[in-house]
Amino acid sequence: MVFLMTKILNIKDFSVFPGPRFVKLGENSGEDFRDNWLIPALENEDVKVNLDGVFGYGSSFLEEVFGGLVRAGLPKERLLFVRDHLKSDEDPTLISEIQEYMNEALKANSSR
């Protein structure tokens, strides 16, 4: 049996100013966070994502990070773990927003 370590991934350590959806649109993009921070962490650890400590999120950043995990082909059990282990004391509504992005991407993915 393989035991994964649980890690808290603080988005504020990536940037306190989350940026646009794609790298080509500017710095601190959702694409960059997903591909270079979140996915590598998920390869070896159970990751709980802490959303606190930043100066706001654009919906495109959040959708690209979390909906993009589905499009990146992560196994469903890893996706569900992330979806169910989000943390925000500052704005708990972010959690339901992200869960909806992930659920929508899962539905779209299953209809292909």
N, C-alpha and C. Protein backbone atom coordinates (compact mmCIF):
# COMPACT_ATOMS: atom_id res chain seq x y z
N MET A 1 0.84 -1.17 0.00
CA MET A 1 0.00 0.00 0.00
C MET A 1 0.90 1.24 0.00
N VAL A 2 0.54 2.23 -0.83
CA VAL A 2 1.30 3.47 -0.95
C VAL A 2 0.57 4.55 -0.16
N PHE A 3 1.32 5.21 0.70
CA PHE A 3 0.77 6.32 1.46
C PHE A 3 1.33 7.63 0.90
N LEU A 4 0.45 8.50 0.55
CA LEU A 4 0.86 9.81 0.04
C LEU A 4 0.90 10.80 1.19
N MET A 5 1.83 11.71 1.14
CA MET A 5 1.89 12.77 2.13
C MET A 5 0.85 13.82 1.78
N THR A 6 0.30 14.47 2.77
CA THR A 6 -0.62 15.57 2.53
C THR A 6 0.14 16.88 2.63
N LYS A 7 -0.04 17.70 1.62
CA LYS A 7 0.66 18.97 1.55
C LYS A 7 -0.37 20.08 1.41
N ILE A 8 -0.13 21.19 2.08
CA ILE A 8 -0.94 22.39 1.89
C ILE A 8 -0.25 23.23 0.82
N LEU A 9 -0.95 23.49 -0.26
CA LEU A 9 -0.43 24.32 -1.33
C LEU A 9 -1.12 25.68 -1.24
N ASN A 10 -0.38 26.69 -0.84
CA ASN A 10 -0.91 28.04 -0.69
C ASN A 10 -0.75 28.80 -1.99
N ILE A 11 -1.86 29.21 -2.57
CA ILE A 11 -1.77 29.96 -3.83
C ILE A 11 -0.99 31.25 -3.64
N LYS A 12 -1.03 31.84 -2.44
CA LYS A 12 -0.28 33.09 -2.20
C LYS A 12 1.22 32.88 -2.37
N ASP A 13 1.71 31.65 -2.23
CA ASP A 13 3.13 31.38 -2.45
C ASP A 13 3.47 31.44 -3.95
N PHE A 14 2.48 31.21 -4.79
CA PHE A 14 2.63 31.37 -6.24
C PHE A 14 2.58 32.86 -6.58
N SER A 15 1.54 33.53 -6.10
CA SER A 15 1.40 34.97 -6.30
C SER A 15 0.26 35.49 -5.44
N VAL A 16 0.42 36.68 -4.89
CA VAL A 16 -0.69 37.33 -4.19
C VAL A 16 -1.58 38.07 -5.19
N PHE A 17 -1.17 38.09 -6.46
CA PHE A 17 -1.95 38.71 -7.52
C PHE A 17 -2.19 37.70 -8.64
N PRO A 18 -3.11 36.74 -8.43
CA PRO A 18 -3.41 35.77 -9.49
C PRO A 18 -3.83 36.51 -10.76
N GLY A 19 -3.32 36.03 -11.87
CA GLY A 19 -3.51 36.75 -13.13
C GLY A 19 -4.56 36.15 -14.04
N PRO A 20 -4.30 36.19 -15.34
CA PRO A 20 -5.27 35.76 -16.34
C PRO A 20 -5.32 34.24 -16.48
N ARG A 21 -6.12 33.79 -17.41
CA ARG A 21 -6.27 32.35 -17.67
C ARG A 21 -4.97 31.73 -18.21
N PHE A 22 -4.42 32.32 -19.27
CA PHE A 22 -3.31 31.71 -19.99
C PHE A 22 -2.00 32.48 -19.82
N VAL A 23 -0.89 31.77 -19.92
CA VAL A 23 0.45 32.35 -19.85
C VAL A 23 0.62 33.45 -20.89
N LYS A 24 0.10 33.23 -22.10
CA LYS A 24 0.28 34.22 -23.18
C LYS A 24 -0.43 35.55 -22.89
N LEU A 25 -1.34 35.55 -21.89
CA LEU A 25 -2.08 36.77 -21.56
C LEU A 25 -1.46 37.57 -20.43
N GLY A 26 -0.46 36.99 -19.75
CA GLY A 26 0.19 37.75 -18.69
C GLY A 26 0.75 36.86 -17.59
N GLU A 27 1.35 37.53 -16.62
CA GLU A 27 2.01 36.85 -15.51
C GLU A 27 1.01 36.23 -14.55
N ASN A 28 1.50 35.25 -13.80
CA ASN A 28 0.75 34.61 -12.71
C ASN A 28 -0.56 34.01 -13.20
N SER A 29 -0.51 33.35 -14.33
CA SER A 29 -1.72 32.82 -14.95
C SER A 29 -2.19 31.52 -14.28
N GLY A 30 -3.45 31.24 -14.48
CA GLY A 30 -4.01 29.97 -14.01
C GLY A 30 -3.33 28.79 -14.66
N GLU A 31 -3.03 28.91 -15.94
CA GLU A 31 -2.33 27.86 -16.67
C GLU A 31 -0.98 27.56 -16.03
N ASP A 32 -0.23 28.61 -15.68
CA ASP A 32 1.08 28.45 -15.05
C ASP A 32 0.94 27.79 -13.69
N PHE A 33 0.01 28.25 -12.87
CA PHE A 33 -0.16 27.66 -11.55
C PHE A 33 -0.53 26.18 -11.66
N ARG A 34 -1.48 25.87 -12.54
CA ARG A 34 -1.90 24.48 -12.70
C ARG A 34 -0.75 23.60 -13.17
N ASP A 35 -0.09 24.01 -14.25
CA ASP A 35 0.92 23.15 -14.88
C ASP A 35 2.23 23.05 -14.12
N ASN A 36 2.62 24.14 -13.44
CA ASN A 36 3.95 24.17 -12.82
C ASN A 36 3.93 24.07 -11.30
N TRP A 37 2.77 24.17 -10.68
CA TRP A 37 2.67 24.07 -9.23
C TRP A 37 1.75 22.93 -8.80
N LEU A 38 0.50 22.99 -9.27
CA LEU A 38 -0.50 22.06 -8.76
C LEU A 38 -0.32 20.64 -9.29
N ILE A 39 -0.22 20.47 -10.59
CA ILE A 39 -0.06 19.12 -11.14
C ILE A 39 1.21 18.45 -10.64
N PRO A 40 2.37 19.11 -10.63
CA PRO A 40 3.56 18.45 -10.07
C PRO A 40 3.37 18.03 -8.61
N ALA A 41 2.71 18.86 -7.80
CA ALA A 41 2.47 18.50 -6.40
C ALA A 41 1.55 17.29 -6.30
N LEU A 42 0.57 17.20 -7.18
CA LEU A 42 -0.38 16.08 -7.15
C LEU A 42 0.24 14.76 -7.58
N GLU A 43 1.36 14.82 -8.25
CA GLU A 43 2.01 13.58 -8.70
C GLU A 43 2.53 12.75 -7.53
N ASN A 44 2.90 13.39 -6.42
CA ASN A 44 3.51 12.67 -5.31
C ASN A 44 2.81 12.86 -3.98
N GLU A 45 1.81 13.72 -3.93
CA GLU A 45 1.22 14.06 -2.64
C GLU A 45 -0.27 14.28 -2.77
N ASP A 46 -0.96 14.12 -1.65
CA ASP A 46 -2.32 14.60 -1.56
C ASP A 46 -2.21 16.08 -1.24
N VAL A 47 -2.86 16.89 -2.03
CA VAL A 47 -2.71 18.34 -1.91
C VAL A 47 -4.03 18.97 -1.49
N LYS A 48 -3.95 19.76 -0.45
CA LYS A 48 -5.05 20.61 -0.03
C LYS A 48 -4.69 22.02 -0.46
N VAL A 49 -5.58 22.66 -1.19
CA VAL A 49 -5.28 23.98 -1.75
C VAL A 49 -5.88 25.06 -0.86
N ASN A 50 -5.01 25.94 -0.36
CA ASN A 50 -5.44 27.09 0.45
C ASN A 50 -5.54 28.30 -0.47
N LEU A 51 -6.74 28.86 -0.54
CA LEU A 51 -7.03 29.97 -1.44
C LEU A 51 -6.82 31.34 -0.81
N ASP A 52 -6.52 31.39 0.47
CA ASP A 52 -6.43 32.66 1.21
C ASP A 52 -5.11 33.39 0.94
N GLY A 53 -5.14 34.70 1.21
CA GLY A 53 -3.91 35.50 1.19
C GLY A 53 -3.62 36.18 -0.13
N VAL A 54 -4.58 36.19 -1.06
CA VAL A 54 -4.36 36.87 -2.33
C VAL A 54 -5.32 38.05 -2.46
N PHE A 55 -5.07 38.89 -3.46
CA PHE A 55 -5.89 40.08 -3.67
C PHE A 55 -6.96 39.83 -4.72
N GLY A 56 -7.70 38.74 -4.57
CA GLY A 56 -8.82 38.45 -5.46
C GLY A 56 -8.46 37.52 -6.59
N TYR A 57 -9.51 36.89 -7.13
CA TYR A 57 -9.37 35.94 -8.23
C TYR A 57 -10.31 36.33 -9.36
N GLY A 58 -9.82 36.19 -10.57
CA GLY A 58 -10.71 36.24 -11.72
C GLY A 58 -11.29 34.85 -11.94
N SER A 59 -12.50 34.80 -12.43
CA SER A 59 -13.12 33.49 -12.68
C SER A 59 -12.33 32.70 -13.71
N SER A 60 -11.70 33.38 -14.66
CA SER A 60 -10.93 32.66 -15.68
C SER A 60 -9.70 31.98 -15.07
N PHE A 61 -9.07 32.61 -14.08
CA PHE A 61 -7.94 31.98 -13.38
C PHE A 61 -8.41 30.70 -12.71
N LEU A 62 -9.48 30.80 -11.94
CA LEU A 62 -9.97 29.64 -11.19
C LEU A 62 -10.44 28.52 -12.10
N GLU A 63 -11.16 28.87 -13.16
CA GLU A 63 -11.64 27.84 -14.07
C GLU A 63 -10.48 27.15 -14.76
N GLU A 64 -9.48 27.92 -15.16
CA GLU A 64 -8.33 27.32 -15.86
C GLU A 64 -7.55 26.39 -14.94
N VAL A 65 -7.37 26.79 -13.69
CA VAL A 65 -6.65 25.93 -12.75
C VAL A 65 -7.44 24.65 -12.49
N PHE A 66 -8.67 24.79 -12.05
CA PHE A 66 -9.40 23.64 -11.53
C PHE A 66 -10.20 22.89 -12.59
N GLY A 67 -10.86 23.60 -13.48
CA GLY A 67 -11.48 22.92 -14.62
C GLY A 67 -10.42 22.33 -15.52
N GLY A 68 -9.29 23.05 -15.60
CA GLY A 68 -8.17 22.58 -16.41
C GLY A 68 -7.54 21.29 -15.91
N LEU A 69 -7.67 21.01 -14.62
CA LEU A 69 -7.18 19.72 -14.11
C LEU A 69 -7.91 18.56 -14.79
N VAL A 70 -9.20 18.74 -15.00
CA VAL A 70 -9.99 17.71 -15.68
C VAL A 70 -9.50 17.55 -17.12
N ARG A 71 -9.37 18.67 -17.82
CA ARG A 71 -8.92 18.63 -19.21
C ARG A 71 -7.50 18.10 -19.35
N ALA A 72 -6.69 18.23 -18.29
CA ALA A 72 -5.32 17.72 -18.31
C ALA A 72 -5.28 16.20 -18.16
N GLY A 73 -6.42 15.61 -17.83
CA GLY A 73 -6.50 14.15 -17.78
C GLY A 73 -6.11 13.52 -16.45
N LEU A 74 -6.15 14.27 -15.38
CA LEU A 74 -5.86 13.68 -14.07
C LEU A 74 -6.90 12.62 -13.73
N PRO A 75 -6.48 11.56 -13.05
CA PRO A 75 -7.43 10.52 -12.66
C PRO A 75 -8.55 11.09 -11.79
N LYS A 76 -9.74 10.55 -11.96
CA LYS A 76 -10.92 11.08 -11.29
C LYS A 76 -10.76 11.12 -9.77
N GLU A 77 -10.12 10.10 -9.19
CA GLU A 77 -9.96 10.09 -7.72
C GLU A 77 -9.08 11.24 -7.24
N ARG A 78 -8.10 11.64 -8.03
CA ARG A 78 -7.26 12.79 -7.66
C ARG A 78 -8.06 14.09 -7.79
N LEU A 79 -8.86 14.17 -8.85
CA LEU A 79 -9.70 15.35 -9.05
C LEU A 79 -10.68 15.52 -7.90
N LEU A 80 -11.30 14.42 -7.50
CA LEU A 80 -12.28 14.49 -6.42
C LEU A 80 -11.62 14.85 -5.10
N PHE A 81 -10.40 14.37 -4.89
CA PHE A 81 -9.68 14.74 -3.67
C PHE A 81 -9.46 16.24 -3.63
N VAL A 82 -8.96 16.80 -4.73
CA VAL A 82 -8.72 18.24 -4.78
C VAL A 82 -10.03 19.00 -4.58
N ARG A 83 -11.06 18.58 -5.30
CA ARG A 83 -12.36 19.27 -5.21
C ARG A 83 -12.88 19.31 -3.78
N ASP A 84 -12.61 18.25 -3.04
CA ASP A 84 -13.14 18.14 -1.68
C ASP A 84 -12.18 18.66 -0.61
N HIS A 85 -10.99 19.14 -1.02
CA HIS A 85 -10.00 19.61 -0.05
C HIS A 85 -9.48 21.00 -0.40
N LEU A 86 -10.42 21.88 -0.60
CA LEU A 86 -10.11 23.30 -0.82
C LEU A 86 -10.35 24.04 0.48
N LYS A 87 -9.57 25.09 0.73
CA LYS A 87 -9.70 25.83 1.98
C LYS A 87 -9.71 27.33 1.70
N SER A 88 -10.70 28.01 2.28
CA SER A 88 -10.70 29.46 2.27
C SER A 88 -11.50 29.96 3.45
N ASP A 89 -10.80 30.54 4.42
CA ASP A 89 -11.47 31.19 5.53
C ASP A 89 -11.90 32.60 5.14
N GLU A 90 -11.19 33.21 4.21
CA GLU A 90 -11.47 34.58 3.80
C GLU A 90 -12.71 34.69 2.91
N ASP A 91 -12.93 33.72 2.03
CA ASP A 91 -14.07 33.75 1.12
C ASP A 91 -14.53 32.32 0.81
N PRO A 92 -15.32 31.73 1.70
CA PRO A 92 -15.77 30.35 1.50
C PRO A 92 -16.58 30.14 0.21
N THR A 93 -17.14 31.21 -0.37
CA THR A 93 -17.89 31.05 -1.62
C THR A 93 -16.98 30.61 -2.77
N LEU A 94 -15.68 30.87 -2.66
CA LEU A 94 -14.74 30.41 -3.69
C LEU A 94 -14.77 28.90 -3.84
N ILE A 95 -14.96 28.21 -2.74
CA ILE A 95 -14.94 26.75 -2.78
C ILE A 95 -16.08 26.22 -3.64
N SER A 96 -17.28 26.72 -3.43
CA SER A 96 -18.41 26.23 -4.23
C SER A 96 -18.25 26.65 -5.70
N GLU A 97 -17.68 27.83 -5.95
CA GLU A 97 -17.42 28.26 -7.32
C GLU A 97 -16.45 27.30 -8.02
N ILE A 98 -15.37 26.96 -7.34
CA ILE A 98 -14.37 26.04 -7.92
C ILE A 98 -14.96 24.65 -8.10
N GLN A 99 -15.70 24.18 -7.13
CA GLN A 99 -16.32 22.86 -7.25
C GLN A 99 -17.25 22.81 -8.45
N GLU A 100 -17.96 23.90 -8.71
CA GLU A 100 -18.83 23.96 -9.88
C GLU A 100 -18.02 23.90 -11.18
N TYR A 101 -16.89 24.63 -11.24
CA TYR A 101 -16.04 24.56 -12.43
C TYR A 101 -15.56 23.13 -12.67
N MET A 102 -15.17 22.46 -11.60
CA MET A 102 -14.69 21.09 -11.74
C MET A 102 -15.82 20.16 -12.14
N ASN A 103 -16.98 20.31 -11.53
CA ASN A 103 -18.13 19.47 -11.88
C ASN A 103 -18.53 19.66 -13.34
N GLU A 104 -18.55 20.91 -13.81
CA GLU A 104 -18.89 21.19 -15.21
C GLU A 104 -17.87 20.56 -16.15
N ALA A 105 -16.59 20.65 -15.81
CA ALA A 105 -15.55 20.05 -16.66
C ALA A 105 -15.66 18.53 -16.64
N LEU A 106 -15.97 17.94 -15.51
CA LEU A 106 -16.17 16.49 -15.42
C LEU A 106 -17.34 16.05 -16.30
N LYS A 107 -18.45 16.79 -16.26
CA LYS A 107 -19.61 16.47 -17.10
C LYS A 107 -19.24 16.57 -18.57
N ALA A 108 -18.57 17.63 -18.95
CA ALA A 108 -18.18 17.82 -20.35
C ALA A 108 -17.23 16.73 -20.80
N ASN A 109 -16.33 16.32 -19.90
CA ASN A 109 -15.36 15.29 -20.21
C ASN A 109 -16.04 13.93 -20.39
N SER A 110 -17.05 13.64 -19.59
CA SER A 110 -17.73 12.34 -19.66
C SER A 110 -18.63 12.24 -20.89
N SER A 111 -19.01 13.36 -21.48
CA SER A 111 -19.88 13.32 -22.65
C SER A 111 -19.08 13.19 -23.96
N ARG A 112 -17.78 13.16 -23.85
CA ARG A 112 -16.93 13.01 -25.07
C ARG A 112 -16.83 11.58 -25.48
